[in-house]
Each structure stands twice: as C-alpha cells, then as structure tokens.
Amino acid sequence: MGLIDNLVSTVFHKDPPVATAAALEDFLDARAAFLAQKCVVEFCRVRAGVYWQKLFSEEEFRQKLTASCWQSFPPAVAMLAEMLEGTIRPAAGLRQRRLPEAIEAIAATVFERHPLPAGEPDDFWSKARDLVRERLQATQLDAPRPVRLMAEPMARLIHKALPIHQSLVGHDYDYIRNNLRMNLLRAHEDFLKAADLAALADDLLGRN
C-alpha cells in the first residue's frame, strides 16, 4: 500500500469483474487502501490549509502520516467487509450463515499480503483480523444496515489514528465520518457494477 501513489488511479480505474474469491480479495485490498489513505491524506491537506505542501515535505510528519494510513487500513477493511457481507447476503440464500467466516478469510488473506508496518507490534495483523471478525459478527444480529450508516463505529478508530494531536482534531470527527461514508457509498456502487453476486456466492460458499 503506497502512501499517495494509487489514489488517482483508483478513482479513475474501472474495476474488473468480481466473480471469484481471488477477485474479491483484490477489490477489498485496493478499496480499503484507498479508503484509508484518501481519508487521512485529504483531511491533513485540508487541516493544514495553504501550508500543506510544507507540512507534507517534513520527514517526521510523513512518517506519522504513513503510520496513520496503516493504522486506518484495518478499520477500512472492517467497514468494507460489512458492506460486502450485506451486499452478497441475498445471493447466498440459505448459505448466508457461512458468509461472515468466508469474508473474514478473504480479509485475512488481504492482511497477509502486507508486511508488518514499521513501528507496529507483532500482533498488528492478528488484531486487524479480530476487528474484522467482531464487525462481521455484529452484522448477524439483524438485517444489513444501510451502507450510509456503515462508517460507524470504525470511523472512530480512524479519527483516533490521525497524525495530528487529538487536542487539535477533536471537533473534526464529522468530517472523517462523512468522508468515509461518501467513499464507502462509492465503493458499494462500484462493487454492484463489477460483481456477479451469484457466481461470487458460489465461489465463496460452494453450491450447496
């Protein structure tokens, strides 16, 4: 996951068809990276105002920014996992109870693609998988939530991970939540266009 390299290409890139678990892994990885990076980087640019280029040129800040993007990646995966579960659930039919476990496995594979981020504890990716599992378990209590509501509660974790002291960003939570909500809605729209839900459900869960 580069810092800013893929932001523009992700916005304008047309998603390939998503009909297999492997394709779903690619979609989840790319969209979670975009969601995390765009939210954090865009917020810092807006917060810094006309001084953003100077701030972004400072090595110490760039290191903190990179760490923030990595810390925001697992919550981004978790909210996207909820979106995917809710979208695929109707196609899963009677197999839907196996769907959270299948999506958790997809998320785990995504995490395994990435090395341990610099400065993070050895259990960073293990805790990331736990976060996804907890989010997916919560989805089973009721019908899927509207996508516009799925930024909560993961937005709280991303707000906490910002590379600016919390005393300075305490009133900026709504910006973070709304940014995530908008981009999650876009990811949902793009997934609906790219996904063959019936084929994807069969590949994830089997035909029986």
C-alpha atoms as a PDB file:
ATOM      1  CA  MET A   1       0.000   0.000   0.000  1.00  0.00           C
ATOM      2  CA  GLY A   2       1.753   3.163  -1.203  1.00  0.00           C
ATOM      3  CA  LEU A   3       1.016   6.435   0.521  1.00  0.00           C
ATOM      4  CA  ILE A   4      -0.486   8.561  -2.250  1.00  0.00           C
ATOM      5  CA  ASP A   5       0.705   6.771  -5.395  1.00  0.00           C
ATOM      6  CA  ASN A   6      -2.521   4.939  -6.198  1.00  0.00           C
ATOM      7  CA  LEU A   7      -5.167   7.446  -5.099  1.00  0.00           C
ATOM      8  CA  VAL A   8      -5.811   8.943  -8.525  1.00  0.00           C
ATOM      9  CA  SER A   9      -5.537   5.625 -10.382  1.00  0.00           C
ATOM     10  CA  THR A  10      -8.042   4.032  -8.003  1.00  0.00           C
ATOM     11  CA  VAL A  11     -10.572   6.819  -8.549  1.00  0.00           C
ATOM     12  CA  PHE A  12     -10.467   6.505 -12.335  1.00  0.00           C
ATOM     13  CA  HIS A  13      -9.736   2.804 -12.630  1.00  0.00           C
ATOM     14  CA  LYS A  14     -12.614   0.598 -13.740  1.00  0.00           C
ATOM     15  CA  ASP A  15     -12.911  -2.433 -11.506  1.00  0.00           C
ATOM     16  CA  PRO A  16     -12.503  -5.795 -13.242  1.00  0.00           C
ATOM     17  CA  PRO A  17     -15.345  -8.296 -12.848  1.00  0.00           C
ATOM     18  CA  VAL A  18     -15.674  -9.702  -9.332  1.00  0.00           C
ATOM     19  CA  ALA A  19     -16.950 -13.263  -9.515  1.00  0.00           C
ATOM     20  CA  THR A  20     -14.349 -15.208  -7.526  1.00  0.00           C
ATOM     21  CA  ALA A  21     -12.777 -15.105  -4.077  1.00  0.00           C
ATOM     22  CA  ALA A  22      -9.461 -14.021  -5.624  1.00  0.00           C
ATOM     23  CA  ALA A  23     -11.118 -11.085  -7.376  1.00  0.00           C
ATOM     24  CA  LEU A  24     -12.881 -10.145  -4.147  1.00  0.00           C
ATOM     25  CA  GLU A  25      -9.521 -10.092  -2.355  1.00  0.00           C
ATOM     26  CA  ASP A  26      -8.183  -7.660  -4.941  1.00  0.00           C
ATOM     27  CA  PHE A  27     -11.255  -5.437  -4.655  1.00  0.00           C
ATOM     28  CA  LEU A  28     -11.148  -5.387  -0.861  1.00  0.00           C
ATOM     29  CA  ASP A  29      -7.413  -4.691  -0.708  1.00  0.00           C
ATOM     30  CA  ALA A  30      -7.493  -1.846  -3.224  1.00  0.00           C
ATOM     31  CA  ARG A  31     -10.614  -0.191  -1.869  1.00  0.00           C
ATOM     32  CA  ALA A  32      -9.562  -0.403   1.768  1.00  0.00           C
ATOM     33  CA  ALA A  33      -6.177   1.126   0.949  1.00  0.00           C
ATOM     34  CA  PHE A  34      -7.894   3.901  -0.968  1.00  0.00           C
ATOM     35  CA  LEU A  35     -10.477   4.489   1.739  1.00  0.00           C
ATOM     36  CA  ALA A  36      -7.870   4.775   4.491  1.00  0.00           C
ATOM     37  CA  GLN A  37      -5.349   6.837   2.575  1.00  0.00           C
ATOM     38  CA  LYS A  38      -7.794   9.229   0.974  1.00  0.00           C
ATOM     39  CA  CYS A  39      -9.499   9.979   4.265  1.00  0.00           C
ATOM     40  CA  VAL A  40      -6.281  10.590   6.214  1.00  0.00           C
ATOM     41  CA  VAL A  41      -4.329  12.410   3.493  1.00  0.00           C
ATOM     42  CA  GLU A  42      -7.244  14.569   2.405  1.00  0.00           C
ATOM     43  CA  PHE A  43      -8.020  15.542   5.987  1.00  0.00           C
ATOM     44  CA  CYS A  44      -4.415  16.567   6.653  1.00  0.00           C
ATOM     45  CA  ARG A  45      -4.286  18.648   3.490  1.00  0.00           C
ATOM     46  CA  VAL A  46      -7.487  20.466   4.409  1.00  0.00           C
ATOM     47  CA  ARG A  47      -6.401  20.915   8.021  1.00  0.00           C
ATOM     48  CA  ALA A  48      -3.018  22.355   7.023  1.00  0.00           C
ATOM     49  CA  GLY A  49      -4.560  24.790   4.538  1.00  0.00           C
ATOM     50  CA  VAL A  50      -2.099  26.726   2.378  1.00  0.00           C
ATOM     51  CA  TYR A  51       0.800  25.219   4.358  1.00  0.00           C
ATOM     52  CA  TRP A  52       0.041  21.633   3.398  1.00  0.00           C
ATOM     53  CA  GLN A  53       2.993  21.292   0.980  1.00  0.00           C
ATOM     54  CA  LYS A  54       5.429  22.434   3.644  1.00  0.00           C
ATOM     55  CA  LEU A  55       3.902  20.050   6.188  1.00  0.00           C
ATOM     56  CA  PHE A  56       3.988  17.112   3.777  1.00  0.00           C
ATOM     57  CA  SER A  57       7.642  17.789   2.950  1.00  0.00           C
ATOM     58  CA  GLU A  58       8.718  17.248   6.569  1.00  0.00           C
ATOM     59  CA  GLU A  59      10.103  13.746   7.053  1.00  0.00           C
ATOM     60  CA  GLU A  60       8.821  13.382  10.604  1.00  0.00           C
ATOM     61  CA  PHE A  61       5.286  14.214   9.518  1.00  0.00           C
ATOM     62  CA  ARG A  62       5.497  11.886   6.507  1.00  0.00           C
ATOM     63  CA  GLN A  63       6.438   9.030   8.823  1.00  0.00           C
ATOM     64  CA  LYS A  64       3.478   9.789  11.068  1.00  0.00           C
ATOM     65  CA  LEU A  65       1.215  10.064   8.027  1.00  0.00           C
ATOM     66  CA  THR A  66       2.318   6.669   6.745  1.00  0.00           C
ATOM     67  CA  ALA A  67       1.762   5.124  10.190  1.00  0.00           C
ATOM     68  CA  SER A  68      -1.704   6.702  10.340  1.00  0.00           C
ATOM     69  CA  CYS A  69      -2.638   5.256   6.952  1.00  0.00           C
ATOM     70  CA  TRP A  70      -1.570   1.778   8.051  1.00  0.00           C
ATOM     71  CA  GLN A  71      -3.459   2.085  11.351  1.00  0.00           C
ATOM     72  CA  SER A  72      -6.537   3.154   9.384  1.00  0.00           C
ATOM     73  CA  PHE A  73      -6.299   0.204   6.994  1.00  0.00           C
ATOM     74  CA  PRO A  74      -7.826  -2.483   9.286  1.00  0.00           C
ATOM     75  CA  PRO A  75     -10.887  -0.321  10.176  1.00  0.00           C
ATOM     76  CA  ALA A  76     -11.327   0.403   6.473  1.00  0.00           C
ATOM     77  CA  VAL A  77     -11.224  -3.335   5.713  1.00  0.00           C
ATOM     78  CA  ALA A  78     -13.761  -3.950   8.500  1.00  0.00           C
ATOM     79  CA  MET A  79     -16.308  -1.441   7.204  1.00  0.00           C
ATOM     80  CA  LEU A  80     -15.892  -2.720   3.652  1.00  0.00           C
ATOM     81  CA  ALA A  81     -16.298  -6.286   4.928  1.00  0.00           C
ATOM     82  CA  GLU A  82     -19.644  -5.288   6.421  1.00  0.00           C
ATOM     83  CA  MET A  83     -20.665  -3.724   3.110  1.00  0.00           C
ATOM     84  CA  LEU A  84     -19.665  -6.845   1.185  1.00  0.00           C
ATOM     85  CA  GLU A  85     -21.493  -9.167   3.580  1.00  0.00           C
ATOM     86  CA  GLY A  86     -24.692  -7.167   3.314  1.00  0.00           C
ATOM     87  CA  THR A  87     -24.480  -6.978  -0.469  1.00  0.00           C
ATOM     88  CA  ILE A  88     -23.704 -10.662  -1.049  1.00  0.00           C
ATOM     89  CA  ARG A  89     -26.118 -11.969   1.603  1.00  0.00           C
ATOM     90  CA  PRO A  90     -29.239 -12.163  -0.619  1.00  0.00           C
ATOM     91  CA  ALA A  91     -27.345 -14.192  -3.247  1.00  0.00           C
ATOM     92  CA  ALA A  92     -26.062 -16.527  -0.530  1.00  0.00           C
ATOM     93  CA  GLY A  93     -29.597 -17.605   0.369  1.00  0.00           C
ATOM     94  CA  LEU A  94     -29.612 -20.492   2.830  1.00  0.00           C
ATOM     95  CA  ARG A  95     -25.806 -20.429   2.922  1.00  0.00           C
ATOM     96  CA  GLN A  96     -25.688 -16.933   4.406  1.00  0.00           C
ATOM     97  CA  ARG A  97     -24.641 -18.080   7.889  1.00  0.00           C
ATOM     98  CA  ARG A  98     -21.295 -19.157   6.404  1.00  0.00           C
ATOM     99  CA  LEU A  99     -20.777 -15.825   4.721  1.00  0.00           C
ATOM    100  CA  PRO A 100     -19.126 -13.912   7.620  1.00  0.00           C
ATOM    101  CA  GLU A 101     -16.488 -16.625   8.019  1.00  0.00           C
ATOM    102  CA  ALA A 102     -15.828 -16.604   4.270  1.00  0.00           C
ATOM    103  CA  ILE A 103     -15.392 -12.827   4.160  1.00  0.00           C
ATOM    104  CA  GLU A 104     -13.189 -12.923   7.251  1.00  0.00           C
ATOM    105  CA  ALA A 105     -10.961 -15.393   5.406  1.00  0.00           C
ATOM    106  CA  ILE A 106     -10.808 -13.005   2.452  1.00  0.00           C
ATOM    107  CA  ALA A 107      -9.781 -10.180   4.800  1.00  0.00           C
ATOM    108  CA  ALA A 108      -7.147 -12.394   6.428  1.00  0.00           C
ATOM    109  CA  THR A 109      -5.634 -13.110   3.012  1.00  0.00           C
ATOM    110  CA  VAL A 110      -5.581  -9.388   2.278  1.00  0.00           C
ATOM    111  CA  PHE A 111      -3.721  -8.727   5.527  1.00  0.00           C
ATOM    112  CA  GLU A 112      -1.233 -11.490   4.722  1.00  0.00           C
ATOM    113  CA  ARG A 113      -0.266  -9.632   1.552  1.00  0.00           C
ATOM    114  CA  HIS A 114       1.324  -6.846   3.552  1.00  0.00           C
ATOM    115  CA  PRO A 115       4.425  -6.872   5.757  1.00  0.00           C
ATOM    116  CA  LEU A 116       4.236  -5.669   9.323  1.00  0.00           C
ATOM    117  CA  PRO A 117       4.163  -1.855   9.197  1.00  0.00           C
ATOM    118  CA  ALA A 118       7.183  -0.144  10.705  1.00  0.00           C
ATOM    119  CA  GLY A 119       6.783   0.556  14.404  1.00  0.00           C
ATOM    120  CA  GLU A 120       3.700  -1.616  14.860  1.00  0.00           C
ATOM    121  CA  PRO A 121       3.537  -4.528  17.367  1.00  0.00           C
ATOM    122  CA  ASP A 122       3.885  -8.109  16.183  1.00  0.00           C
ATOM    123  CA  ASP A 123       0.169  -8.759  16.716  1.00  0.00           C
ATOM    124  CA  PHE A 124      -0.892  -5.851  14.458  1.00  0.00           C
ATOM    125  CA  TRP A 125      -2.375  -8.070  11.750  1.00  0.00           C
ATOM    126  CA  SER A 126      -3.818 -10.525  14.275  1.00  0.00           C
ATOM    127  CA  LYS A 127      -5.716  -7.685  15.931  1.00  0.00           C
ATOM    128  CA  ALA A 128      -6.779  -6.460  12.492  1.00  0.00           C
ATOM    129  CA  ARG A 129      -8.393  -9.832  11.790  1.00  0.00           C
ATOM    130  CA  ASP A 130     -10.088  -9.736  15.211  1.00  0.00           C
ATOM    131  CA  LEU A 131     -11.533  -6.341  14.328  1.00  0.00           C
ATOM    132  CA  VAL A 132     -12.997  -7.680  11.089  1.00  0.00           C
ATOM    133  CA  ARG A 133     -14.407 -10.721  12.880  1.00  0.00           C
ATOM    134  CA  GLU A 134     -16.105  -8.564  15.512  1.00  0.00           C
ATOM    135  CA  ARG A 135     -17.612  -6.298  12.858  1.00  0.00           C
ATOM    136  CA  LEU A 136     -18.914  -9.246  10.842  1.00  0.00           C
ATOM    137  CA  GLN A 137     -20.357 -10.948  13.922  1.00  0.00           C
ATOM    138  CA  ALA A 138     -22.257  -7.763  14.700  1.00  0.00           C
ATOM    139  CA  THR A 139     -23.869  -7.887  11.243  1.00  0.00           C
ATOM    140  CA  GLN A 140     -25.623 -11.133  12.120  1.00  0.00           C
ATOM    141  CA  LEU A 141     -27.848  -9.556  14.751  1.00  0.00           C
ATOM    142  CA  ASP A 142     -30.244  -8.072  12.213  1.00  0.00           C
ATOM    143  CA  ALA A 143     -30.795  -7.246   8.563  1.00  0.00           C
ATOM    144  CA  PRO A 144     -27.859  -5.500   6.862  1.00  0.00           C
ATOM    145  CA  ARG A 145     -27.541  -1.832   7.759  1.00  0.00           C
ATOM    146  CA  PRO A 146     -27.844   0.798   5.023  1.00  0.00           C
ATOM    147  CA  VAL A 147     -24.395   1.454   3.578  1.00  0.00           C
ATOM    148  CA  ARG A 148     -24.604   5.121   4.579  1.00  0.00           C
ATOM    149  CA  LEU A 149     -24.516   4.006   8.229  1.00  0.00           C
ATOM    150  CA  MET A 150     -21.615   1.547   7.953  1.00  0.00           C
ATOM    151  CA  ALA A 151     -18.855   4.078   8.580  1.00  0.00           C
ATOM    152  CA  GLU A 152     -19.738   3.809  12.259  1.00  0.00           C
ATOM    153  CA  PRO A 153     -18.115   2.688  14.519  1.00  0.00           C
ATOM    154  CA  MET A 154     -14.887   2.213  12.508  1.00  0.00           C
ATOM    155  CA  ALA A 155     -14.665   5.943  11.784  1.00  0.00           C
ATOM    156  CA  ARG A 156     -13.846   6.458  15.464  1.00  0.00           C
ATOM    157  CA  LEU A 157     -10.699   4.365  15.107  1.00  0.00           C
ATOM    158  CA  ILE A 158      -9.569   6.245  12.006  1.00  0.00           C
ATOM    159  CA  HIS A 159     -10.210   9.581  13.709  1.00  0.00           C
ATOM    160  CA  LYS A 160      -8.097   8.388  16.640  1.00  0.00           C
ATOM    161  CA  ALA A 161      -5.273   7.363  14.272  1.00  0.00           C
ATOM    162  CA  LEU A 162      -4.892  10.794  12.637  1.00  0.00           C
ATOM    163  CA  PRO A 163      -1.271  12.059  12.607  1.00  0.00           C
ATOM    164  CA  ILE A 164      -2.275  15.282  14.356  1.00  0.00           C
ATOM    165  CA  HIS A 165      -2.665  15.551  18.127  1.00  0.00           C
ATOM    166  CA  GLN A 166      -6.189  14.697  19.267  1.00  0.00           C
ATOM    167  CA  SER A 167      -6.479  18.011  21.105  1.00  0.00           C
ATOM    168  CA  LEU A 168      -6.393  19.717  17.691  1.00  0.00           C
ATOM    169  CA  VAL A 169      -8.810  17.428  15.848  1.00  0.00           C
ATOM    170  CA  GLY A 170     -11.444  16.779  18.491  1.00  0.00           C
ATOM    171  CA  HIS A 171     -14.081  18.731  16.576  1.00  0.00           C
ATOM    172  CA  ASP A 172     -13.243  17.184  13.199  1.00  0.00           C
ATOM    173  CA  TYR A 173     -14.875  13.802  13.687  1.00  0.00           C
ATOM    174  CA  ASP A 174     -17.868  14.631  11.487  1.00  0.00           C
ATOM    175  CA  TYR A 175     -15.508  15.391   8.595  1.00  0.00           C
ATOM    176  CA  ILE A 176     -13.824  11.995   8.963  1.00  0.00           C
ATOM    177  CA  ARG A 177     -17.124  10.109   9.214  1.00  0.00           C
ATOM    178  CA  ASN A 178     -18.648  11.894   6.239  1.00  0.00           C
ATOM    179  CA  ASN A 179     -15.555  11.392   4.109  1.00  0.00           C
ATOM    180  CA  LEU A 180     -15.614   7.674   4.857  1.00  0.00           C
ATOM    181  CA  ARG A 181     -19.360   7.474   4.278  1.00  0.00           C
ATOM    182  CA  MET A 182     -19.092   9.108   0.852  1.00  0.00           C
ATOM    183  CA  ASN A 183     -16.265   6.857  -0.301  1.00  0.00           C
ATOM    184  CA  LEU A 184     -17.895   3.742   1.136  1.00  0.00           C
ATOM    185  CA  LEU A 185     -21.053   4.541  -0.821  1.00  0.00           C
ATOM    186  CA  ARG A 186     -18.957   4.892  -3.958  1.00  0.00           C
ATOM    187  CA  ALA A 187     -17.239   1.565  -3.273  1.00  0.00           C
ATOM    188  CA  HIS A 188     -20.669  -0.037  -2.900  1.00  0.00           C
ATOM    189  CA  GLU A 189     -21.853   1.380  -6.220  1.00  0.00           C
ATOM    190  CA  ASP A 190     -18.705   0.182  -7.970  1.00  0.00           C
ATOM    191  CA  PHE A 191     -18.984  -3.258  -6.389  1.00  0.00           C
ATOM    192  CA  LEU A 192     -22.559  -3.622  -7.613  1.00  0.00           C
ATOM    193  CA  LYS A 193     -21.409  -2.783 -11.147  1.00  0.00           C
ATOM    194  CA  ALA A 194     -18.445  -5.151 -11.051  1.00  0.00           C
ATOM    195  CA  ALA A 195     -19.791  -8.125  -9.101  1.00  0.00           C
ATOM    196  CA  ASP A 196     -21.531 -11.239 -10.342  1.00  0.00           C
ATOM    197  CA  LEU A 197     -23.173 -11.876  -6.994  1.00  0.00           C
ATOM    198  CA  ALA A 198     -24.498 -15.342  -7.756  1.00  0.00           C
ATOM    199  CA  ALA A 199     -21.156 -16.603  -9.087  1.00  0.00           C
ATOM    200  CA  LEU A 200     -19.301 -14.923  -6.231  1.00  0.00           C
ATOM    201  CA  ALA A 201     -21.549 -16.518  -3.612  1.00  0.00           C
ATOM    202  CA  ASP A 202     -20.995 -19.931  -5.210  1.00  0.00           C
ATOM    203  CA  ASP A 203     -17.211 -19.481  -5.238  1.00  0.00           C
ATOM    204  CA  LEU A 204     -17.132 -18.301  -1.622  1.00  0.00           C
ATOM    205  CA  LEU A 205     -19.627 -20.769  -0.166  1.00  0.00           C
ATOM    206  CA  GLY A 206     -19.949 -23.651  -2.590  1.00  0.00           C
ATOM    207  CA  ARG A 207     -23.153 -24.530  -4.387  1.00  0.00           C
ATOM    208  CA  ASN A 208     -24.722 -26.482  -1.504  1.00  0.00           C
END
